[in-house]
């Protein structure tokens, strides 16, 4: 499952639950601090530090995680995770 540039917190637990055995979740969206670069700037649409690992804890094994500044395609603060259901 791949989710990019989207955050609707009530849906996050359902997405994690929907990952099939052996399946993976790749999630990549904006995080707190992105307001310095423009939109989105509403905290409702910005992940808090550690929010993705917390969302998958106990459900998926985290294979990779990133939270920080990216330069491409535009400067932004992003949070990314790759998790697999064992």
N, C-alpha and C. Protein backbone atom coordinates (compact mmCIF):
# COMPACT_ATOMS: atom_id res chain seq x y z
N UNK A 1 0.85 -1.15 0.00
CA UNK A 1 0.00 0.00 0.00
C UNK A 1 0.90 1.23 0.00
N UNK A 2 0.58 2.21 -0.81
CA UNK A 2 1.37 3.43 -0.92
C UNK A 2 0.46 4.64 -0.66
N UNK A 3 0.90 5.50 0.25
CA UNK A 3 0.18 6.74 0.55
C UNK A 3 1.19 7.88 0.45
N UNK A 4 0.89 8.88 -0.37
CA UNK A 4 1.80 10.01 -0.56
C UNK A 4 1.01 11.32 -0.50
N UNK A 5 1.54 12.28 0.24
CA UNK A 5 0.96 13.63 0.34
C UNK A 5 -0.48 13.63 0.82
N UNK A 6 -0.78 12.77 1.78
CA UNK A 6 -2.14 12.67 2.28
C UNK A 6 -2.10 12.35 3.77
N UNK A 7 -2.92 13.04 4.55
CA UNK A 7 -3.05 12.74 5.97
C UNK A 7 -4.47 13.01 6.42
N UNK A 8 -5.15 11.95 6.79
CA UNK A 8 -6.45 12.01 7.45
C UNK A 8 -6.35 11.04 8.61
N UNK A 9 -6.01 11.58 9.79
CA UNK A 9 -5.66 10.75 10.94
C UNK A 9 -6.68 9.65 11.27
N UNK A 10 -7.99 9.89 11.17
CA UNK A 10 -8.92 8.79 11.48
C UNK A 10 -8.74 7.57 10.56
N UNK A 11 -8.19 7.76 9.38
CA UNK A 11 -8.01 6.67 8.44
C UNK A 11 -6.71 5.88 8.68
N UNK A 12 -5.76 6.48 9.36
CA UNK A 12 -4.44 5.87 9.53
C UNK A 12 -4.50 4.48 10.18
N UNK A 13 -5.24 4.27 11.28
CA UNK A 13 -5.30 2.92 11.85
C UNK A 13 -5.93 1.90 10.89
N UNK A 14 -6.88 2.33 10.10
CA UNK A 14 -7.51 1.43 9.14
C UNK A 14 -6.55 1.05 8.03
N UNK A 15 -5.71 1.98 7.61
CA UNK A 15 -4.71 1.66 6.59
C UNK A 15 -3.70 0.65 7.12
N UNK A 16 -3.24 0.84 8.33
CA UNK A 16 -2.28 -0.09 8.93
C UNK A 16 -2.92 -1.47 9.06
N UNK A 17 -4.15 -1.52 9.51
CA UNK A 17 -4.87 -2.79 9.67
C UNK A 17 -5.07 -3.50 8.33
N UNK A 18 -5.20 -2.75 7.26
CA UNK A 18 -5.47 -3.32 5.95
C UNK A 18 -4.25 -3.96 5.28
N UNK A 19 -3.07 -3.76 5.84
CA UNK A 19 -1.87 -4.36 5.26
C UNK A 19 -1.93 -5.87 5.46
N UNK A 20 -1.88 -6.61 4.37
CA UNK A 20 -1.98 -8.08 4.40
C UNK A 20 -0.71 -8.70 4.98
N UNK A 21 -0.79 -9.94 5.46
CA UNK A 21 0.42 -10.63 5.90
C UNK A 21 1.47 -10.63 4.79
N UNK A 22 2.68 -10.23 5.14
CA UNK A 22 3.75 -10.12 4.15
C UNK A 22 3.70 -8.84 3.35
N UNK A 23 2.63 -8.06 3.51
CA UNK A 23 2.46 -6.81 2.76
C UNK A 23 3.22 -5.66 3.39
N UNK A 24 3.31 -4.59 2.63
CA UNK A 24 4.07 -3.43 3.09
C UNK A 24 3.23 -2.15 2.99
N UNK A 25 3.56 -1.22 3.85
CA UNK A 25 2.98 0.12 3.82
C UNK A 25 4.13 1.10 3.58
N UNK A 26 3.99 1.91 2.54
CA UNK A 26 4.91 3.01 2.28
C UNK A 26 4.10 4.29 2.45
N UNK A 27 4.46 5.11 3.40
CA UNK A 27 3.71 6.33 3.72
C UNK A 27 4.70 7.49 3.70
N UNK A 28 4.35 8.56 2.99
CA UNK A 28 5.24 9.70 2.81
C UNK A 28 4.39 10.96 2.70
N UNK A 29 4.48 11.83 3.71
CA UNK A 29 3.72 13.07 3.65
C UNK A 29 4.42 14.16 4.46
N UNK A 30 3.79 15.29 4.55
CA UNK A 30 4.37 16.47 5.19
C UNK A 30 4.31 16.36 6.71
N UNK A 31 5.26 17.04 7.36
CA UNK A 31 5.36 17.00 8.82
C UNK A 31 5.46 18.41 9.39
N UNK A 32 5.26 18.47 10.70
CA UNK A 32 5.37 19.74 11.42
C UNK A 32 6.71 20.38 11.08
N UNK A 33 6.68 21.65 10.81
CA UNK A 33 7.86 22.40 10.38
C UNK A 33 7.73 22.80 8.92
N UNK A 34 6.84 22.10 8.20
CA UNK A 34 6.64 22.42 6.79
C UNK A 34 6.01 23.79 6.59
N UNK A 35 5.37 24.31 7.61
CA UNK A 35 4.73 25.62 7.49
C UNK A 35 5.75 26.70 7.11
N UNK A 36 7.02 26.48 7.38
CA UNK A 36 8.07 27.43 6.98
C UNK A 36 8.26 27.47 5.47
N UNK A 37 7.78 26.45 4.77
CA UNK A 37 7.97 26.35 3.33
C UNK A 37 6.69 26.59 2.53
N UNK A 38 5.59 26.80 3.22
CA UNK A 38 4.31 27.01 2.52
C UNK A 38 3.29 25.95 2.91
N UNK A 39 2.55 25.49 1.94
CA UNK A 39 1.47 24.53 2.19
C UNK A 39 1.93 23.10 2.06
N UNK A 40 1.30 22.20 2.83
CA UNK A 40 0.33 22.50 3.86
C UNK A 40 0.98 23.10 5.10
N UNK A 41 0.23 23.94 5.77
CA UNK A 41 0.72 24.56 6.99
C UNK A 41 -0.23 24.35 8.16
N UNK A 42 -1.42 23.82 7.88
CA UNK A 42 -2.40 23.52 8.91
C UNK A 42 -1.93 22.30 9.69
N UNK A 43 -1.82 22.37 11.02
CA UNK A 43 -1.35 21.24 11.81
C UNK A 43 -2.20 19.98 11.64
N UNK A 44 -3.43 20.13 11.21
CA UNK A 44 -4.28 18.96 10.96
C UNK A 44 -3.73 18.10 9.82
N UNK A 45 -2.88 18.67 8.99
CA UNK A 45 -2.35 17.97 7.83
C UNK A 45 -0.83 17.81 7.88
N UNK A 46 -0.26 17.93 9.09
CA UNK A 46 1.17 17.78 9.28
C UNK A 46 1.42 16.74 10.37
N UNK A 47 2.22 15.73 10.05
CA UNK A 47 2.55 14.71 11.03
C UNK A 47 3.42 15.27 12.14
N UNK A 48 3.16 14.84 13.35
CA UNK A 48 4.00 15.21 14.49
C UNK A 48 5.22 14.29 14.53
N UNK A 49 6.31 14.72 15.14
CA UNK A 49 7.50 13.86 15.22
C UNK A 49 7.14 12.49 15.80
N UNK A 50 7.59 11.44 15.11
CA UNK A 50 7.36 10.08 15.57
C UNK A 50 5.95 9.54 15.37
N UNK A 51 5.10 10.29 14.70
CA UNK A 51 3.70 9.87 14.57
C UNK A 51 3.54 8.61 13.72
N UNK A 52 4.28 8.49 12.63
CA UNK A 52 4.14 7.29 11.81
C UNK A 52 4.65 6.03 12.53
N UNK A 53 5.83 6.06 13.15
CA UNK A 53 6.24 4.86 13.89
C UNK A 53 5.23 4.48 14.99
N UNK A 54 4.68 5.47 15.65
CA UNK A 54 3.68 5.18 16.68
C UNK A 54 2.44 4.54 16.08
N UNK A 55 2.07 4.98 14.88
CA UNK A 55 0.86 4.46 14.23
C UNK A 55 1.00 2.99 13.83
N UNK A 56 2.21 2.55 13.53
CA UNK A 56 2.41 1.16 13.10
C UNK A 56 2.93 0.26 14.22
N UNK A 57 3.25 0.83 15.37
CA UNK A 57 3.82 0.07 16.48
C UNK A 57 2.95 -1.13 16.85
N UNK A 58 3.58 -2.28 16.97
CA UNK A 58 2.88 -3.50 17.34
C UNK A 58 2.15 -4.16 16.19
N UNK A 59 2.12 -3.50 15.04
CA UNK A 59 1.42 -4.04 13.87
C UNK A 59 2.36 -4.35 12.72
N UNK A 60 3.29 -3.44 12.45
CA UNK A 60 4.21 -3.59 11.32
C UNK A 60 5.64 -3.46 11.81
N UNK A 61 6.54 -4.17 11.16
CA UNK A 61 7.97 -4.00 11.43
C UNK A 61 8.46 -2.82 10.60
N UNK A 62 9.11 -1.88 11.24
CA UNK A 62 9.62 -0.70 10.54
C UNK A 62 10.93 -1.07 9.84
N UNK A 63 10.92 -0.99 8.52
CA UNK A 63 12.12 -1.26 7.74
C UNK A 63 12.93 0.00 7.48
N UNK A 64 12.24 1.14 7.41
CA UNK A 64 12.92 2.41 7.19
C UNK A 64 12.02 3.53 7.68
N UNK A 65 12.63 4.58 8.22
CA UNK A 65 11.87 5.74 8.71
C UNK A 65 12.73 6.98 8.51
N UNK A 66 12.07 8.07 8.14
CA UNK A 66 12.75 9.35 7.96
C UNK A 66 11.83 10.47 8.41
N UNK A 67 12.39 11.44 9.10
CA UNK A 67 11.68 12.68 9.43
C UNK A 67 12.70 13.80 9.31
N UNK A 68 12.44 14.71 8.37
CA UNK A 68 13.36 15.82 8.22
C UNK A 68 13.14 16.59 6.94
N UNK A 69 14.11 17.42 6.65
CA UNK A 69 14.02 18.30 5.48
C UNK A 69 14.47 17.57 4.22
N UNK A 70 13.71 17.77 3.16
CA UNK A 70 14.09 17.31 1.83
C UNK A 70 14.19 18.53 0.93
N UNK A 71 14.96 18.42 -0.12
CA UNK A 71 15.14 19.53 -1.05
C UNK A 71 14.38 19.34 -2.35
N UNK A 72 14.06 18.10 -2.69
CA UNK A 72 13.41 17.81 -3.97
C UNK A 72 12.11 17.09 -3.77
N UNK A 73 11.07 17.37 -4.55
CA UNK A 73 11.11 18.30 -5.67
C UNK A 73 11.12 19.76 -5.22
N UNK A 74 10.68 20.03 -3.97
CA UNK A 74 10.73 21.37 -3.39
C UNK A 74 11.12 21.23 -1.93
N UNK A 75 11.77 22.24 -1.34
CA UNK A 75 12.10 22.14 0.08
C UNK A 75 10.83 21.92 0.91
N UNK A 76 10.91 20.96 1.84
CA UNK A 76 9.77 20.61 2.68
C UNK A 76 10.27 19.80 3.88
N UNK A 77 9.43 19.71 4.89
CA UNK A 77 9.66 18.81 6.01
C UNK A 77 8.71 17.63 5.80
N UNK A 78 9.29 16.43 5.75
CA UNK A 78 8.51 15.24 5.43
C UNK A 78 8.78 14.15 6.46
N UNK A 79 7.82 13.24 6.52
CA UNK A 79 7.96 12.05 7.33
C UNK A 79 7.62 10.88 6.43
N UNK A 80 8.48 9.84 6.47
CA UNK A 80 8.30 8.69 5.59
C UNK A 80 8.53 7.43 6.41
N UNK A 81 7.78 6.38 6.06
CA UNK A 81 7.98 5.10 6.72
C UNK A 81 7.75 3.97 5.73
N UNK A 82 8.49 2.91 5.93
CA UNK A 82 8.28 1.66 5.19
C UNK A 82 8.11 0.59 6.27
N UNK A 83 6.93 -0.01 6.32
CA UNK A 83 6.66 -1.04 7.31
C UNK A 83 6.11 -2.30 6.66
N UNK A 84 6.43 -3.43 7.26
CA UNK A 84 5.97 -4.74 6.71
C UNK A 84 5.26 -5.53 7.81
N UNK A 85 4.19 -6.16 7.39
CA UNK A 85 3.49 -7.07 8.31
C UNK A 85 4.14 -8.44 8.20
N UNK A 86 4.58 -8.96 9.37
CA UNK A 86 5.31 -10.22 9.42
C UNK A 86 4.55 -11.43 9.13
